Amino acid sequence: MSGGLNHRLAAIDNRRFGTLTGGVMKTPLHLTRVPLTAAGLFLGTLATLPAGEVGPMASYAPPAPDCDACNQPGFYLNAAALYLNSASERSGYDGDWDLGGRLGVGFERPDGLFYEIEGFWWEGDADNMYWPGVNYDVEHIAIDFLIGDNLHCGEACLDVAFGLRYGSYERGATSSGIDSIAGLGALAVISESYTDFDFDGWGPTIQLDGIRRLGGPWSLYGELQQSILFGEAGGRSYGKGGAAGDTLAFISEIAAGVQYDLGAAMGGLSGAHVRLGGEAQYWSIDGNDLGLYGASLGVGFSF
């Protein structure tokens, strides 16, 4: 095929430029044939390829999305009952087990992008082993405003989300004891309630969620979250003599457990599942550190 192309290209050159015998024009004619011959060979090769294989006339099929909504697109709701205890570095601190909760609602698009608002609340009691008359009432509140995306789908699904968190931590204290009443010679129980420490703040948060399918309705799940909050702290035990001051809070969270997919058992609710696992949190706020740990029982579905 290349010989025929050369003859046709030579005839085109002769008709365009004429037959010249002078040595001046022979070199340009020779240089012109080289790129034209190469172009002809290239086009001839493309003509022999099956349609849609390569080249400018090839058909284009967009790649199949590899992570279009690990979950069912649409609105979804997640809720969990928490049974947590608190631990502190404060001398003699002895926490009790108490109930808390978590509730989240969001919307996931068909391309995997999702928006979510999630709230967490826990309130518990604690005693001081070295001061029997001192009792603590501890309350934690966190609200997250998140936007995220599916990073990977398949047997393992991974989501990442960024956003803004509001966090509140308050530790109230009640101190009671027996004292004598001056001039009466009698004894009385004296009780005092006060705010031992409190914090409120806002800041960025990042969250990673993963699910690994085990086959059938069973899966493993894991969650990590880190937040940095900027806010104001105060209270009687605060390092600045109880006066309020600006400070930072670092909050780390981890959770893991098993998930059971309910499938068609929930009727029109798609993606329905139940989760059972454990979780832990660490709140570090200007020396007033507190940890939470315990169990979680949750449900979720799309609608």
Protein backbone atom coordinates (compact mmCIF):
# COMPACT_ATOMS: atom_id res chain seq x y z
CA MET A 1 0.00 0.00 0.00
CA SER A 2 2.91 2.39 0.68
CA GLY A 3 4.15 2.14 -2.99
CA GLY A 4 0.80 3.26 -4.41
CA LEU A 5 0.69 6.14 -1.89
CA ASN A 6 4.15 7.26 -3.02
CA HIS A 7 3.10 7.33 -6.72
CA ARG A 8 -0.01 9.33 -5.98
CA LEU A 9 1.87 11.78 -3.77
CA ALA A 10 4.57 12.25 -6.48
CA ALA A 11 1.90 13.03 -9.08
CA ILE A 12 0.37 15.61 -6.72
CA ASP A 13 3.78 17.22 -6.23
CA ASN A 14 4.39 17.37 -10.03
CA ARG A 15 1.05 18.96 -10.75
CA ARG A 16 1.48 21.50 -7.95
CA PHE A 17 5.07 22.58 -8.54
CA GLY A 18 5.81 21.41 -12.14
CA THR A 19 8.77 19.36 -13.37
CA LEU A 20 11.88 21.31 -12.63
CA THR A 21 15.38 20.35 -13.70
CA GLY A 22 17.30 22.99 -11.79
CA GLY A 23 19.21 21.84 -8.75
CA VAL A 24 17.64 24.62 -6.68
CA MET A 25 14.15 23.07 -6.53
CA LYS A 26 15.07 19.41 -6.26
CA THR A 27 15.80 19.49 -2.51
CA PRO A 28 12.45 21.10 -1.48
CA LEU A 29 10.54 18.54 -3.55
CA HIS A 30 12.33 15.70 -1.77
CA LEU A 31 11.69 17.18 1.72
CA THR A 32 8.02 17.72 0.98
CA ARG A 33 7.45 14.08 0.05
CA VAL A 34 8.75 12.78 3.40
CA PRO A 35 6.11 14.28 5.73
CA LEU A 36 3.34 13.76 3.18
CA THR A 37 4.32 10.12 2.79
CA ALA A 38 4.36 9.67 6.60
CA ALA A 39 0.95 11.31 6.91
CA GLY A 40 -0.43 9.04 4.21
CA LEU A 41 0.90 5.95 5.94
CA PHE A 42 -0.60 7.11 9.26
CA LEU A 43 -4.04 7.75 7.77
CA GLY A 44 -3.90 4.48 5.90
CA THR A 45 -3.14 2.63 9.12
CA LEU A 46 -6.06 4.32 10.90
CA ALA A 47 -8.37 3.29 8.07
CA THR A 48 -7.59 -0.38 8.73
CA LEU A 49 -8.45 -0.22 12.47
CA PRO A 50 -11.84 -1.43 13.73
CA ALA A 51 -14.29 1.33 14.48
CA GLY A 52 -14.15 2.69 18.00
CA GLU A 53 -10.61 1.43 18.73
CA VAL A 54 -8.39 4.54 18.64
CA GLY A 55 -8.00 7.81 16.83
CA PRO A 56 -10.09 10.94 16.42
CA MET A 57 -13.08 9.02 15.05
CA ALA A 58 -13.03 6.46 17.86
CA SER A 59 -16.22 6.11 19.86
CA TYR A 60 -15.96 7.34 23.50
CA ALA A 61 -17.67 5.66 26.40
CA PRO A 62 -17.31 7.52 29.73
CA PRO A 63 -15.82 5.38 32.52
CA ALA A 64 -18.30 3.76 34.84
CA PRO A 65 -18.29 5.60 38.18
CA ASP A 66 -16.53 3.45 40.74
CA CYS A 67 -18.11 5.05 43.79
CA ASP A 68 -21.63 6.21 43.01
CA ALA A 69 -23.32 6.16 46.41
CA CYS A 70 -22.22 3.22 48.50
CA ASN A 71 -25.54 3.84 50.23
CA GLN A 72 -28.95 4.32 48.72
CA PRO A 73 -29.22 7.87 47.30
CA GLY A 74 -31.73 10.09 49.03
CA PHE A 75 -32.46 11.19 52.57
CA TYR A 76 -31.20 9.01 55.41
CA LEU A 77 -31.40 8.89 59.20
CA ASN A 78 -29.07 7.33 61.79
CA ALA A 79 -29.79 7.04 65.51
CA ALA A 80 -27.93 5.35 68.37
CA ALA A 81 -28.41 4.73 72.07
CA LEU A 82 -25.16 5.03 74.01
CA TYR A 83 -24.20 3.51 77.36
CA LEU A 84 -21.04 5.32 78.44
CA ASN A 85 -18.81 5.89 81.44
CA SER A 86 -16.43 8.80 82.04
CA ALA A 87 -12.81 8.79 83.16
CA SER A 88 -10.62 11.71 84.22
CA GLU A 89 -7.08 12.42 85.33
CA ARG A 90 -8.44 14.30 88.33
CA SER A 91 -7.39 12.67 91.55
CA GLY A 92 -10.08 10.36 92.94
CA TYR A 93 -12.49 10.80 90.00
CA ASP A 94 -14.86 7.82 89.76
CA GLY A 95 -17.40 7.93 86.93
CA ASP A 96 -20.74 6.13 86.66
CA TRP A 97 -22.43 4.47 83.67
CA ASP A 98 -25.19 6.56 82.09
CA LEU A 99 -27.23 6.72 78.89
CA GLY A 100 -26.70 9.12 76.01
CA GLY A 101 -27.71 9.40 72.39
CA ARG A 102 -26.71 10.33 68.87
CA LEU A 103 -28.98 11.40 65.99
CA GLY A 104 -28.04 12.26 62.42
CA VAL A 105 -29.97 13.15 59.29
CA GLY A 106 -28.58 13.74 55.83
CA PHE A 107 -28.96 13.55 52.08
CA GLU A 108 -26.77 11.53 49.69
CA ARG A 109 -26.67 12.29 45.97
CA PRO A 110 -26.39 9.61 43.26
CA ASP A 111 -22.73 10.57 42.71
CA GLY A 112 -21.88 9.83 46.37
CA LEU A 113 -21.66 13.40 47.67
CA PHE A 114 -23.59 13.78 50.94
CA TYR A 115 -24.62 16.46 53.45
CA GLU A 116 -25.29 15.64 57.10
CA ILE A 117 -26.18 17.16 60.45
CA GLU A 118 -25.43 15.01 63.50
CA GLY A 119 -25.91 15.65 67.20
CA PHE A 120 -24.42 13.90 70.26
CA TRP A 121 -25.47 14.21 73.90
CA TRP A 122 -24.38 12.48 77.09
CA GLU A 123 -24.87 13.36 80.74
CA GLY A 124 -23.42 11.36 83.61
CA ASP A 125 -22.51 11.42 87.29
CA ALA A 126 -19.22 10.89 89.07
CA ASP A 127 -17.90 10.79 92.62
CA ASN A 128 -14.59 11.61 94.23
CA MET A 129 -13.15 8.69 96.19
CA TYR A 130 -10.98 10.98 98.31
CA TRP A 131 -13.76 13.50 99.02
CA PRO A 132 -16.97 11.56 99.76
CA GLY A 133 -18.99 14.74 99.97
CA VAL A 134 -18.15 15.85 96.40
CA ASN A 135 -20.29 14.73 93.45
CA TYR A 136 -19.95 15.71 89.79
CA ASP A 137 -22.57 16.12 87.08
CA VAL A 138 -20.92 15.97 83.63
CA GLU A 139 -22.60 16.93 80.35
CA HIS A 140 -21.26 16.72 76.78
CA ILE A 141 -22.97 18.15 73.68
CA ALA A 142 -21.65 18.11 70.10
CA ILE A 143 -23.34 19.14 66.83
CA ASP A 144 -21.66 18.52 63.46
CA PHE A 145 -22.44 20.13 60.10
CA LEU A 146 -20.76 17.94 57.48
CA ILE A 147 -20.23 17.61 53.73
CA GLY A 148 -18.56 14.46 52.42
CA ASP A 149 -18.04 12.00 49.60
CA ASN A 150 -17.56 8.29 48.92
CA LEU A 151 -13.86 7.53 48.43
CA HIS A 152 -14.14 3.84 47.63
CA CYS A 153 -16.94 1.37 46.99
CA GLY A 154 -17.15 -2.38 46.68
CA GLU A 155 -16.65 -4.96 49.41
CA ALA A 156 -15.18 -2.09 51.43
CA CYS A 157 -16.77 1.36 51.40
CA LEU A 158 -14.94 4.44 52.71
CA ASP A 159 -16.45 7.90 53.28
CA VAL A 160 -14.69 11.12 54.25
CA ALA A 161 -16.41 14.25 55.52
CA PHE A 162 -15.33 17.72 56.56
CA GLY A 163 -17.28 20.33 58.40
CA LEU A 164 -17.91 22.50 61.42
CA ARG A 165 -18.54 21.33 64.99
CA TYR A 166 -20.08 23.02 68.00
CA GLY A 167 -19.00 21.46 71.28
CA SER A 168 -19.97 22.02 74.90
CA TYR A 169 -18.57 20.43 78.05
CA GLU A 170 -19.81 21.28 81.55
CA ARG A 171 -18.82 19.77 84.87
CA GLY A 172 -20.98 20.83 87.78
CA ALA A 173 -20.12 19.92 91.35
CA THR A 174 -22.01 19.56 94.59
CA SER A 175 -20.12 19.68 97.85
CA SER A 176 -21.84 18.68 101.07
CA GLY A 177 -20.67 18.27 104.65
CA ILE A 178 -21.64 18.52 108.29
CA ASP A 179 -20.94 21.69 110.21
CA SER A 180 -21.93 23.09 113.55
CA ILE A 181 -24.36 25.97 113.86
CA ALA A 182 -22.72 28.74 115.82
CA GLY A 183 -24.40 29.57 119.15
CA LEU A 184 -26.80 26.61 118.98
CA GLY A 185 -24.46 23.72 119.54
CA ALA A 186 -26.22 21.76 116.81
CA LEU A 187 -24.96 20.09 113.65
CA ALA A 188 -26.32 20.76 110.16
CA VAL A 189 -25.73 19.40 106.67
CA ILE A 190 -24.39 22.12 104.44
CA SER A 191 -24.54 21.69 100.65
CA GLU A 192 -23.11 23.89 97.90
CA SER A 193 -23.57 23.55 94.14
CA TYR A 194 -21.29 25.33 91.68
CA THR A 195 -19.86 25.12 88.18
CA ASP A 196 -16.51 23.43 88.46
CA PHE A 197 -15.64 23.79 84.75
CA ASP A 198 -17.40 24.65 81.48
CA PHE A 199 -16.43 25.13 77.85
CA ASP A 200 -18.21 26.21 74.65
CA GLY A 201 -16.59 26.47 71.25
CA TRP A 202 -16.65 26.02 67.48
CA GLY A 203 -14.11 24.59 65.10
CA PRO A 204 -13.29 22.32 62.15
CA THR A 205 -13.83 18.58 62.19
CA ILE A 206 -12.89 15.68 59.90
CA GLN A 207 -14.54 12.26 59.85
CA LEU A 208 -13.70 8.89 58.26
CA ASP A 209 -16.28 6.08 58.06
CA GLY A 210 -15.61 2.61 56.69
CA ILE A 211 -17.65 -0.55 56.13
CA ARG A 212 -16.24 -3.99 55.19
CA ARG A 213 -18.79 -6.50 53.97
CA LEU A 214 -18.34 -10.04 55.29
CA GLY A 215 -20.91 -11.80 53.12
CA GLY A 216 -24.63 -12.11 53.61
CA PRO A 217 -26.15 -9.42 55.82
CA TRP A 218 -23.08 -8.99 58.06
CA SER A 219 -20.48 -6.22 57.89
CA LEU A 220 -17.81 -4.61 60.04
CA TYR A 221 -17.79 -0.84 60.51
CA GLY A 222 -15.32 1.67 61.87
CA GLU A 223 -15.34 5.43 62.46
CA LEU A 224 -12.68 8.02 63.27
CA GLN A 225 -13.22 11.72 63.95
CA GLN A 226 -10.96 14.57 65.04
CA SER A 227 -12.05 18.08 65.99
CA ILE A 228 -10.27 21.26 67.07
CA LEU A 229 -12.54 23.78 68.80
CA PHE A 230 -11.87 27.41 69.63
CA GLY A 231 -13.89 28.73 72.52
CA GLU A 232 -14.14 30.07 76.04
CA ALA A 233 -13.65 28.18 79.29
CA GLY A 234 -14.36 29.06 82.91
CA GLY A 235 -15.41 27.63 86.25
CA ARG A 236 -14.04 27.37 89.75
CA SER A 237 -11.28 24.87 88.89
CA TYR A 238 -10.23 26.68 85.69
CA GLY A 239 -6.53 27.52 85.62
CA LYS A 240 -7.16 31.29 85.58
CA GLY A 241 -8.75 31.43 89.02
CA GLY A 242 -12.24 30.74 87.69
CA ALA A 243 -12.30 33.72 85.35
CA ALA A 244 -13.39 32.93 81.79
CA GLY A 245 -10.68 32.84 79.12
CA ASP A 246 -10.10 31.79 75.54
CA THR A 247 -8.74 28.30 75.01
CA LEU A 248 -8.59 25.28 72.66
CA ALA A 249 -10.29 21.90 72.82
CA PHE A 250 -9.08 18.76 71.06
CA ILE A 251 -11.65 15.98 70.64
CA SER A 252 -10.73 12.53 69.33
CA GLU A 253 -13.33 9.81 68.68
CA ILE A 254 -13.16 6.19 67.58
CA ALA A 255 -15.91 3.58 67.10
CA ALA A 256 -16.07 0.04 65.72
CA GLY A 257 -18.45 -2.90 65.66
CA VAL A 258 -20.68 -5.15 63.57
CA GLN A 259 -23.57 -4.22 61.28
CA TYR A 260 -26.53 -6.37 60.25
CA ASP A 261 -28.45 -5.36 57.11
CA LEU A 262 -32.18 -5.86 57.47
CA GLY A 263 -32.84 -5.93 53.71
CA ALA A 264 -36.50 -6.31 52.78
CA ALA A 265 -37.54 -6.81 56.41
CA MET A 266 -38.24 -3.08 56.77
CA GLY A 267 -40.63 -2.74 53.86
CA GLY A 268 -40.22 0.58 52.07
CA LEU A 269 -37.15 1.63 54.09
CA SER A 270 -34.10 0.90 51.96
CA GLY A 271 -30.64 0.43 53.44
CA ALA A 272 -32.05 -0.42 56.86
CA HIS A 273 -29.49 -1.82 59.28
CA VAL A 274 -28.68 -2.36 62.95
CA ARG A 275 -25.28 -1.72 64.54
CA LEU A 276 -23.72 -2.96 67.77
CA GLY A 277 -20.28 -1.80 68.81
CA GLY A 278 -18.10 0.18 71.15
CA GLU A 279 -16.80 3.72 71.09
CA ALA A 280 -14.45 6.03 72.94
CA GLN A 281 -13.93 9.80 73.07
CA TYR A 282 -11.18 11.97 74.51
CA TRP A 283 -11.84 15.63 75.32
CA SER A 284 -8.68 17.59 76.09
CA ILE A 285 -9.40 21.17 77.25
CA ASP A 286 -6.66 23.16 78.95
CA GLY A 287 -5.82 20.49 81.53
CA ASN A 288 -9.44 19.52 82.20
CA ASP A 289 -9.25 16.25 80.26
CA LEU A 290 -12.07 13.74 80.21
CA GLY A 291 -12.62 10.45 78.39
CA LEU A 292 -15.81 8.61 77.51
CA TYR A 293 -16.04 4.90 76.70
CA GLY A 294 -18.76 2.31 76.35
CA ALA A 295 -21.24 0.60 74.04
CA SER A 296 -23.48 1.74 71.20
CA LEU A 297 -26.65 0.27 69.71
CA GLY A 298 -27.77 2.02 66.54
CA VAL A 299 -30.17 1.84 63.61
CA GLY A 300 -30.18 3.55 60.21
CA PHE A 301 -32.19 3.66 56.99
CA SER A 302 -32.81 5.68 53.84
CA PHE A 303 -36.18 7.11 52.81
